[in-house]
């Protein structure tokens, strides 16, 4: 090859390289225009991702490979297709779920309306005969009435309470009617006492089918008057005991594929009351625990285990002695009857009296000042609670 031939060949290679570089610039310019015209702001993530992949000029490696301009376009279009495909799938799933929820909301609303209008005598109620039912705080008040009514329905009733004398009296009363109950002295504020006696019950009576967390205490003092240790004890009895009893008996319910947990809360756990910062707070927490447990069991597929949250108004059991509410207090017999009915028909949530179901939503829709005005001037709740009997140090001993 002479000098002239070499010069021509070199010039040809230089021109070829320049033409290739120009083509790359043209392709990149067109691609940038496509991006600007074809993508909305919502696709910025995918645009940036694909733009990074096309920054290299012809002959340089991307992901360990050499891409020609044509291959770059194909890669971009493939990425775009995947992005659009995923977006369509997500949108389709959302629309489908909305349609399903829409239809089911109508069905469940009608079902609830029919259930509320159907007399209890016509409803399907599960039998309690032969079932082992454990009632915490079962020696007095609502607990005592629950025990008597459950025994009359042929259930095997287990009573937990700290008051041994009251349990002995209750045992004799039930025996006089021809029934038998099992009593255990248990301090539900003590976790180890709960776990130890739970094992004893399983050995002596058998696995618990229905657990009724009924135990509760109240002090009737303002926050600054409350002894610190009594605040802690209130939460241990009213709230934490529900955790420990559930952990003790729920595994057997899951194992046997059936069971029921009923929690006796309070309307003060939905509407804070004067002189009840400890009680209302503990009942708020109890309701939250119960709802979360329900969510867990449903998510895990344990649909055969029923859960019932009961929120009664003030009950005439001695806990609220001295209160003078505008609405008369409930009687223990009526509350016990309603709790058992709720369990037998698998109600998830009920208030006593039931009309509060329709009044509670107003709390979230009414202006705060109007809500306080109704509570202060119409219901007069603070006035009623100011006369409540104060906590006695001797009672906590």
Protein backbone atom coordinates (compact mmCIF):
# COMPACT_ATOMS: atom_id res chain seq x y z
CA UNK A 1 0.00 0.00 0.00
CA UNK A 2 1.48 3.35 -1.13
CA UNK A 3 1.16 6.65 0.71
CA UNK A 4 -1.82 7.91 -1.38
CA UNK A 5 -3.81 4.72 -0.82
CA UNK A 6 -3.12 4.87 2.94
CA UNK A 7 -4.27 8.50 3.11
CA UNK A 8 -7.56 7.75 1.32
CA UNK A 9 -8.21 4.76 3.58
CA UNK A 10 -7.60 6.83 6.72
CA UNK A 11 -9.88 9.60 5.48
CA UNK A 12 -12.62 7.06 4.75
CA UNK A 13 -12.35 5.60 8.30
CA UNK A 14 -12.52 9.06 9.86
CA UNK A 15 -15.62 9.95 7.82
CA UNK A 16 -17.26 6.62 8.74
CA UNK A 17 -16.61 7.22 12.45
CA UNK A 18 -17.99 10.76 12.25
CA UNK A 19 -21.10 9.56 10.41
CA UNK A 20 -21.67 6.91 13.09
CA UNK A 21 -21.31 9.53 15.85
CA UNK A 22 -23.74 11.83 14.06
CA UNK A 23 -26.25 8.98 13.75
CA UNK A 24 -25.93 8.30 17.49
CA UNK A 25 -26.58 11.94 18.29
CA UNK A 26 -29.62 11.96 15.99
CA UNK A 27 -31.01 8.80 17.60
CA UNK A 28 -30.47 10.16 21.11
CA UNK A 29 -32.11 13.46 20.16
CA UNK A 30 -35.14 11.66 18.74
CA UNK A 31 -35.37 9.42 21.79
CA UNK A 32 -35.31 12.44 24.10
CA UNK A 33 -38.14 13.94 22.05
CA UNK A 34 -40.10 10.69 22.37
CA UNK A 35 -39.64 10.81 26.13
CA UNK A 36 -40.92 14.38 26.32
CA UNK A 37 -43.96 13.66 24.18
CA UNK A 38 -44.94 10.19 25.39
CA UNK A 39 -44.49 10.13 29.18
CA UNK A 40 -46.44 11.88 31.93
CA UNK A 41 -44.88 13.04 35.17
CA UNK A 42 -46.03 9.80 36.80
CA UNK A 43 -43.59 7.82 34.64
CA UNK A 44 -40.49 9.81 35.74
CA UNK A 45 -39.06 6.83 37.52
CA UNK A 46 -39.13 4.63 34.40
CA UNK A 47 -37.98 7.50 32.15
CA UNK A 48 -34.90 8.13 34.28
CA UNK A 49 -34.18 4.45 34.49
CA UNK A 50 -34.31 4.00 30.67
CA UNK A 51 -32.46 7.25 29.97
CA UNK A 52 -29.51 6.07 32.03
CA UNK A 53 -29.37 2.92 29.94
CA UNK A 54 -29.02 4.91 26.69
CA UNK A 55 -26.38 7.46 27.69
CA UNK A 56 -23.42 5.55 26.24
CA UNK A 57 -22.35 6.18 22.65
CA UNK A 58 -22.10 3.47 20.01
CA UNK A 59 -19.39 0.96 20.74
CA UNK A 60 -19.45 1.37 24.54
CA UNK A 61 -20.72 -1.36 26.84
CA UNK A 62 -24.01 -1.31 28.78
CA UNK A 63 -24.60 -4.13 31.31
CA UNK A 64 -21.62 -5.91 29.83
CA UNK A 65 -23.03 -5.75 26.29
CA UNK A 66 -22.53 -3.61 23.20
CA UNK A 67 -25.76 -1.92 22.05
CA UNK A 68 -26.37 -0.55 18.60
CA UNK A 69 -28.85 2.34 18.24
CA UNK A 70 -31.52 -0.12 17.07
CA UNK A 71 -30.96 -2.33 20.10
CA UNK A 72 -31.25 0.69 22.36
CA UNK A 73 -34.68 1.47 20.95
CA UNK A 74 -35.76 -2.14 21.42
CA UNK A 75 -34.54 -2.12 25.03
CA UNK A 76 -36.40 1.11 25.75
CA UNK A 77 -39.62 -0.16 24.20
CA UNK A 78 -39.34 -3.41 26.17
CA UNK A 79 -38.91 -1.53 29.43
CA UNK A 80 -41.81 0.74 28.54
CA UNK A 81 -44.03 -2.25 27.78
CA UNK A 82 -43.23 -3.84 31.15
CA UNK A 83 -43.97 -0.60 32.98
CA UNK A 84 -47.31 -0.12 31.23
CA UNK A 85 -48.20 -3.80 31.72
CA UNK A 86 -47.54 -3.59 35.47
CA UNK A 87 -49.51 -0.35 35.76
CA UNK A 88 -52.48 -1.91 33.95
CA UNK A 89 -52.38 -4.98 36.22
CA UNK A 90 -52.34 -2.81 39.35
CA UNK A 91 -55.18 -0.63 38.08
CA UNK A 92 -57.23 -3.71 37.15
CA UNK A 93 -56.73 -5.23 40.62
CA UNK A 94 -57.81 -1.98 42.31
CA UNK A 95 -60.92 -1.64 40.14
CA UNK A 96 -61.85 -5.29 40.68
CA UNK A 97 -61.49 -4.96 44.47
CA UNK A 98 -63.59 -1.79 44.47
CA UNK A 99 -66.35 -3.56 42.56
CA UNK A 100 -66.28 -6.53 44.95
CA UNK A 101 -66.28 -4.27 48.03
CA UNK A 102 -69.14 -2.24 46.54
CA UNK A 103 -71.36 -5.29 46.08
CA UNK A 104 -70.43 -6.79 49.45
CA UNK A 105 -71.07 -3.50 51.26
CA UNK A 106 -74.66 -3.59 50.00
CA UNK A 107 -75.04 -7.26 50.99
CA UNK A 108 -73.55 -6.82 54.47
CA UNK A 109 -75.64 -3.71 55.13
CA UNK A 110 -78.83 -5.58 54.27
CA UNK A 111 -77.67 -8.58 56.32
CA UNK A 112 -77.01 -6.38 59.37
CA UNK A 113 -80.37 -4.64 59.01
CA UNK A 114 -82.22 -7.96 58.80
CA UNK A 115 -80.28 -9.31 61.79
CA UNK A 116 -81.11 -6.26 63.91
CA UNK A 117 -84.80 -6.49 63.05
CA UNK A 118 -85.06 -10.24 63.65
CA UNK A 119 -86.30 -11.16 67.15
CA UNK A 120 -83.83 -13.11 69.27
CA UNK A 121 -86.26 -16.05 69.40
CA UNK A 122 -85.98 -16.47 65.62
CA UNK A 123 -82.19 -16.21 65.36
CA UNK A 124 -79.79 -19.13 65.13
CA UNK A 125 -78.04 -19.39 68.49
CA UNK A 126 -75.18 -21.74 69.31
CA UNK A 127 -75.62 -24.05 72.27
CA UNK A 128 -73.47 -23.63 75.37
CA UNK A 129 -74.32 -27.06 76.80
CA UNK A 130 -71.19 -29.03 77.66
CA UNK A 131 -68.88 -26.16 76.71
CA UNK A 132 -66.20 -25.09 79.18
CA UNK A 133 -66.64 -21.38 79.90
CA UNK A 134 -64.15 -19.41 82.00
CA UNK A 135 -65.25 -16.11 83.56
CA UNK A 136 -62.71 -13.75 85.14
CA UNK A 137 -64.04 -11.60 87.96
CA UNK A 138 -66.86 -14.10 88.26
CA UNK A 139 -67.70 -13.83 91.96
CA UNK A 140 -69.63 -10.56 91.96
CA UNK A 141 -71.65 -8.10 89.92
CA UNK A 142 -72.04 -8.99 86.25
CA UNK A 143 -69.61 -11.90 86.62
CA UNK A 144 -71.81 -13.59 89.20
CA UNK A 145 -74.89 -13.25 87.00
CA UNK A 146 -72.93 -14.64 84.03
CA UNK A 147 -71.90 -17.69 86.05
CA UNK A 148 -75.45 -18.44 87.22
CA UNK A 149 -76.96 -18.09 83.74
CA UNK A 150 -74.21 -20.15 82.10
CA UNK A 151 -74.63 -22.93 84.67
CA UNK A 152 -78.36 -23.00 83.96
CA UNK A 153 -77.54 -23.51 80.28
CA UNK A 154 -75.56 -26.66 81.18
CA UNK A 155 -72.12 -25.14 80.56
CA UNK A 156 -69.07 -26.23 82.56
CA UNK A 157 -68.32 -22.94 84.28
CA UNK A 158 -64.90 -22.00 85.64
CA UNK A 159 -64.76 -18.97 87.95
CA UNK A 160 -61.65 -16.88 88.55
CA UNK A 161 -61.67 -14.23 91.27
CA UNK A 162 -59.56 -12.89 94.13
CA UNK A 163 -62.50 -12.99 96.55
CA UNK A 164 -62.53 -16.57 97.83
CA UNK A 165 -65.39 -15.95 100.26
CA UNK A 166 -67.64 -14.61 97.49
CA UNK A 167 -66.74 -17.58 95.28
CA UNK A 168 -67.65 -20.02 98.05
CA UNK A 169 -71.03 -18.34 98.50
CA UNK A 170 -71.64 -18.40 94.75
CA UNK A 171 -70.67 -22.06 94.55
CA UNK A 172 -73.22 -22.96 97.23
CA UNK A 173 -75.90 -20.90 95.48
CA UNK A 174 -75.33 -22.66 92.17
CA UNK A 175 -75.18 -26.07 93.87
CA UNK A 176 -78.58 -25.36 95.44
CA UNK A 177 -79.98 -25.19 91.91
CA UNK A 178 -78.39 -28.54 91.06
CA UNK A 179 -75.37 -27.30 89.10
CA UNK A 180 -71.62 -27.45 89.60
CA UNK A 181 -68.99 -24.79 89.01
CA UNK A 182 -65.20 -24.80 89.36
CA UNK A 183 -63.66 -21.98 91.40
CA UNK A 184 -60.04 -20.81 91.50
CA UNK A 185 -58.49 -17.98 93.50
CA UNK A 186 -56.66 -16.03 90.80
CA UNK A 187 -55.24 -12.51 90.85
CA UNK A 188 -55.51 -11.48 87.20
CA UNK A 189 -53.13 -8.56 87.82
CA UNK A 190 -50.41 -11.22 88.23
CA UNK A 191 -49.32 -12.76 84.93
CA UNK A 192 -47.73 -15.81 86.55
CA UNK A 193 -50.91 -16.48 88.55
CA UNK A 194 -52.87 -16.51 85.28
CA UNK A 195 -50.48 -18.88 83.50
CA UNK A 196 -50.19 -21.23 86.49
CA UNK A 197 -53.94 -21.50 87.05
CA UNK A 198 -54.58 -21.84 83.31
CA UNK A 199 -52.55 -25.05 83.30
CA UNK A 200 -54.43 -26.27 86.38
CA UNK A 201 -57.78 -25.64 84.68
CA UNK A 202 -56.68 -27.56 81.58
CA UNK A 203 -55.67 -30.54 83.72
CA UNK A 204 -58.69 -30.58 86.05
CA UNK A 205 -61.52 -29.35 83.81
CA UNK A 206 -60.25 -29.50 80.23
CA UNK A 207 -59.53 -27.01 77.44
CA UNK A 208 -61.50 -23.76 77.64
CA UNK A 209 -64.01 -23.28 74.82
CA UNK A 210 -65.25 -19.81 75.76
CA UNK A 211 -63.24 -17.15 77.58
CA UNK A 212 -65.05 -14.15 79.08
CA UNK A 213 -62.66 -11.41 80.21
CA UNK A 214 -64.92 -9.66 82.70
CA UNK A 215 -62.62 -8.60 85.56
CA UNK A 216 -62.31 -4.86 86.10
CA UNK A 217 -61.59 -2.21 88.73
CA UNK A 218 -62.05 1.57 88.97
CA UNK A 219 -60.74 4.16 91.44
CA UNK A 220 -63.03 7.15 90.83
CA UNK A 221 -60.40 9.89 91.21
CA UNK A 222 -58.87 12.57 89.03
CA UNK A 223 -55.44 11.95 87.55
CA UNK A 224 -53.60 14.05 90.14
CA UNK A 225 -55.39 12.26 92.99
CA UNK A 226 -54.68 8.73 91.72
CA UNK A 227 -51.85 6.79 93.41
CA UNK A 228 -49.32 5.65 90.81
CA UNK A 229 -49.49 2.02 91.86
CA UNK A 230 -53.28 1.98 91.40
CA UNK A 231 -52.96 3.31 87.85
CA UNK A 232 -50.61 0.42 87.13
CA UNK A 233 -52.92 -2.08 88.83
CA UNK A 234 -55.94 -0.80 86.87
CA UNK A 235 -54.12 -1.48 83.61
CA UNK A 236 -52.95 -4.89 84.81
CA UNK A 237 -56.50 -5.96 85.73
CA UNK A 238 -58.50 -4.26 82.98
CA UNK A 239 -56.10 -4.56 80.04
CA UNK A 240 -53.01 -6.72 80.45
CA UNK A 241 -54.96 -9.63 81.93
CA UNK A 242 -56.76 -9.91 78.56
CA UNK A 243 -53.39 -10.46 76.88
CA UNK A 244 -52.32 -13.16 79.33
CA UNK A 245 -55.63 -15.08 79.34
CA UNK A 246 -55.77 -15.00 75.53
CA UNK A 247 -52.20 -16.30 75.28
CA UNK A 248 -53.02 -19.03 77.80
CA UNK A 249 -56.20 -20.37 76.18
CA UNK A 250 -56.13 -19.33 72.51
CA UNK A 251 -53.66 -22.05 71.38
CA UNK A 252 -56.13 -24.79 72.37
CA UNK A 253 -58.93 -23.00 70.52
CA UNK A 254 -56.79 -22.86 67.39
CA UNK A 255 -55.83 -26.52 67.82
CA UNK A 256 -59.47 -27.65 68.06
CA UNK A 257 -60.69 -25.27 65.36
CA UNK A 258 -63.31 -23.60 67.54
CA UNK A 259 -63.65 -21.22 70.47
CA UNK A 260 -64.85 -17.80 71.55
CA UNK A 261 -63.33 -14.85 73.39
CA UNK A 262 -65.64 -12.20 74.83
CA UNK A 263 -64.26 -9.01 76.31
CA UNK A 264 -66.34 -6.83 78.61
CA UNK A 265 -65.24 -3.26 77.96
CA UNK A 266 -67.13 -0.07 78.67
CA UNK A 267 -68.69 2.90 76.92
CA UNK A 268 -66.13 4.96 78.83
CA UNK A 269 -63.58 3.22 76.62
CA UNK A 270 -65.19 5.01 73.68
CA UNK A 271 -66.12 8.27 75.44
CA UNK A 272 -63.72 9.47 78.12
CA UNK A 273 -65.38 10.19 81.48
CA UNK A 274 -64.58 12.49 84.40
CA UNK A 275 -62.81 10.80 87.35
CA UNK A 276 -61.97 7.89 85.04
CA UNK A 277 -58.61 8.64 83.43
CA UNK A 278 -57.35 5.25 84.61
CA UNK A 279 -60.53 3.32 83.87
CA UNK A 280 -61.35 4.97 80.52
CA UNK A 281 -57.75 4.72 79.37
CA UNK A 282 -57.52 1.02 80.25
CA UNK A 283 -60.82 0.29 78.49
CA UNK A 284 -59.70 2.20 75.38
CA UNK A 285 -56.63 -0.05 75.36
CA UNK A 286 -58.74 -3.17 75.88
CA UNK A 287 -60.93 -2.32 72.89
CA UNK A 288 -57.83 -1.75 70.76
CA UNK A 289 -56.37 -5.08 71.86
CA UNK A 290 -59.60 -6.92 71.07
CA UNK A 291 -59.95 -5.37 67.60
CA UNK A 292 -56.31 -6.11 66.75
CA UNK A 293 -56.65 -9.72 67.92
CA UNK A 294 -59.73 -10.08 65.72
CA UNK A 295 -57.75 -8.77 62.74
CA UNK A 296 -54.92 -11.22 63.40
CA UNK A 297 -57.19 -14.26 63.67
CA UNK A 298 -59.13 -13.37 60.51
CA UNK A 299 -55.92 -12.73 58.56
CA UNK A 300 -54.53 -16.11 59.63
CA UNK A 301 -57.71 -17.90 58.59
CA UNK A 302 -59.02 -18.80 62.06
CA UNK A 303 -62.61 -17.84 61.22
CA UNK A 304 -64.12 -20.45 63.54
CA UNK A 305 -62.91 -18.59 66.62
CA UNK A 306 -65.49 -15.97 67.54
CA UNK A 307 -64.71 -12.66 69.21
CA UNK A 308 -67.23 -10.42 70.93
CA UNK A 309 -66.57 -6.93 72.27
CA UNK A 310 -69.21 -5.71 74.74
CA UNK A 311 -69.32 -2.05 75.80
CA UNK A 312 -71.96 -1.45 78.49
CA UNK A 313 -73.08 1.80 80.10
CA UNK A 314 -72.53 2.30 83.86
CA UNK A 315 -73.65 -0.81 85.76
CA UNK A 316 -75.15 -0.84 89.23
CA UNK A 317 -72.59 -3.19 90.80
CA UNK A 318 -71.02 -0.96 93.45
CA UNK A 319 -68.07 0.08 91.28
CA UNK A 320 -69.79 3.37 90.48
CA UNK A 321 -71.50 4.00 93.80
CA UNK A 322 -72.34 7.65 94.26
CA UNK A 323 -72.72 8.37 90.53
CA UNK A 324 -75.91 10.13 89.53
CA UNK A 325 -76.04 9.82 85.73
CA UNK A 326 -78.91 11.33 83.73
CA UNK A 327 -79.55 7.90 82.20
CA UNK A 328 -80.32 5.23 84.85
CA UNK A 329 -77.61 2.66 85.50
CA UNK A 330 -77.91 -0.84 84.05
CA UNK A 331 -78.68 -3.83 86.24
CA UNK A 332 -76.19 -6.76 86.29
CA UNK A 333 -78.83 -9.34 85.33
CA UNK A 334 -79.75 -7.51 82.14
CA UNK A 335 -76.11 -7.00 81.18
CA UNK A 336 -75.26 -10.68 81.77
CA UNK A 337 -78.23 -11.77 79.68
CA UNK A 338 -77.13 -9.50 76.81
CA UNK A 339 -73.50 -10.66 76.97
CA UNK A 340 -74.53 -14.32 76.69
CA UNK A 341 -76.87 -13.53 73.80
CA UNK A 342 -74.06 -11.71 71.99
CA UNK A 343 -71.80 -14.74 72.39
CA UNK A 344 -74.46 -17.21 71.26
CA UNK A 345 -75.21 -15.29 68.07
CA UNK A 346 -71.54 -14.46 67.35
CA UNK A 347 -71.89 -10.69 67.54
CA UNK A 348 -68.56 -8.95 67.03
CA UNK A 349 -69.46 -5.70 68.78
CA UNK A 350 -72.37 -4.59 70.90
CA UNK A 351 -73.18 -1.71 73.19
CA UNK A 352 -75.58 -1.87 76.11
CA UNK A 353 -78.05 -0.30 75.64
CA UNK A 354 -78.01 -0.82 71.88
CA UNK A 355 -79.08 2.75 71.04
CA UNK A 356 -75.53 3.91 71.74
CA UNK A 357 -74.51 2.15 68.52
CA UNK A 358 -76.24 4.96 66.66
CA UNK A 359 -75.05 7.78 68.93
CA UNK A 360 -71.33 6.95 69.02
CA UNK A 361 -70.61 7.99 65.39
CA UNK A 362 -71.72 11.52 66.30
CA UNK A 363 -68.49 11.86 68.28
CA UNK A 364 -66.52 11.88 65.02
CA UNK A 365 -68.86 14.12 63.03
CA UNK A 366 -69.92 16.80 65.50
CA UNK A 367 -67.62 19.77 66.18
CA UNK A 368 -65.59 19.23 69.36
CA UNK A 369 -67.16 22.21 71.10
CA UNK A 370 -70.66 20.97 70.33
CA UNK A 371 -69.76 17.47 71.56
CA UNK A 372 -68.52 18.90 74.85
CA UNK A 373 -71.63 21.06 75.17
CA UNK A 374 -73.87 17.99 74.81
CA UNK A 375 -71.79 16.04 77.31
CA UNK A 376 -71.68 18.88 79.84
CA UNK A 377 -75.17 20.38 79.61
CA UNK A 378 -77.37 17.57 78.25
CA UNK A 379 -75.87 14.30 79.48
CA UNK A 380 -74.22 16.08 82.44
CA UNK A 381 -71.62 13.33 82.68
CA UNK A 382 -69.00 15.37 84.60
CA UNK A 383 -71.60 16.39 87.19
CA UNK A 384 -72.70 12.77 87.65
CA UNK A 385 -69.14 11.48 88.10
CA UNK A 386 -68.08 14.12 90.64
CA UNK A 387 -70.15 12.41 93.32
CA UNK A 388 -68.65 8.98 92.62
CA UNK A 389 -67.32 7.07 95.62
CA UNK A 390 -63.56 7.52 95.97
CA UNK A 391 -60.99 4.75 95.99
CA UNK A 392 -60.30 3.23 99.41
CA UNK A 393 -56.72 2.18 100.22
CA UNK A 394 -58.03 -0.77 102.27
CA UNK A 395 -59.86 -2.21 99.22
CA UNK A 396 -56.61 -2.50 97.29
CA UNK A 397 -54.88 -4.47 100.03
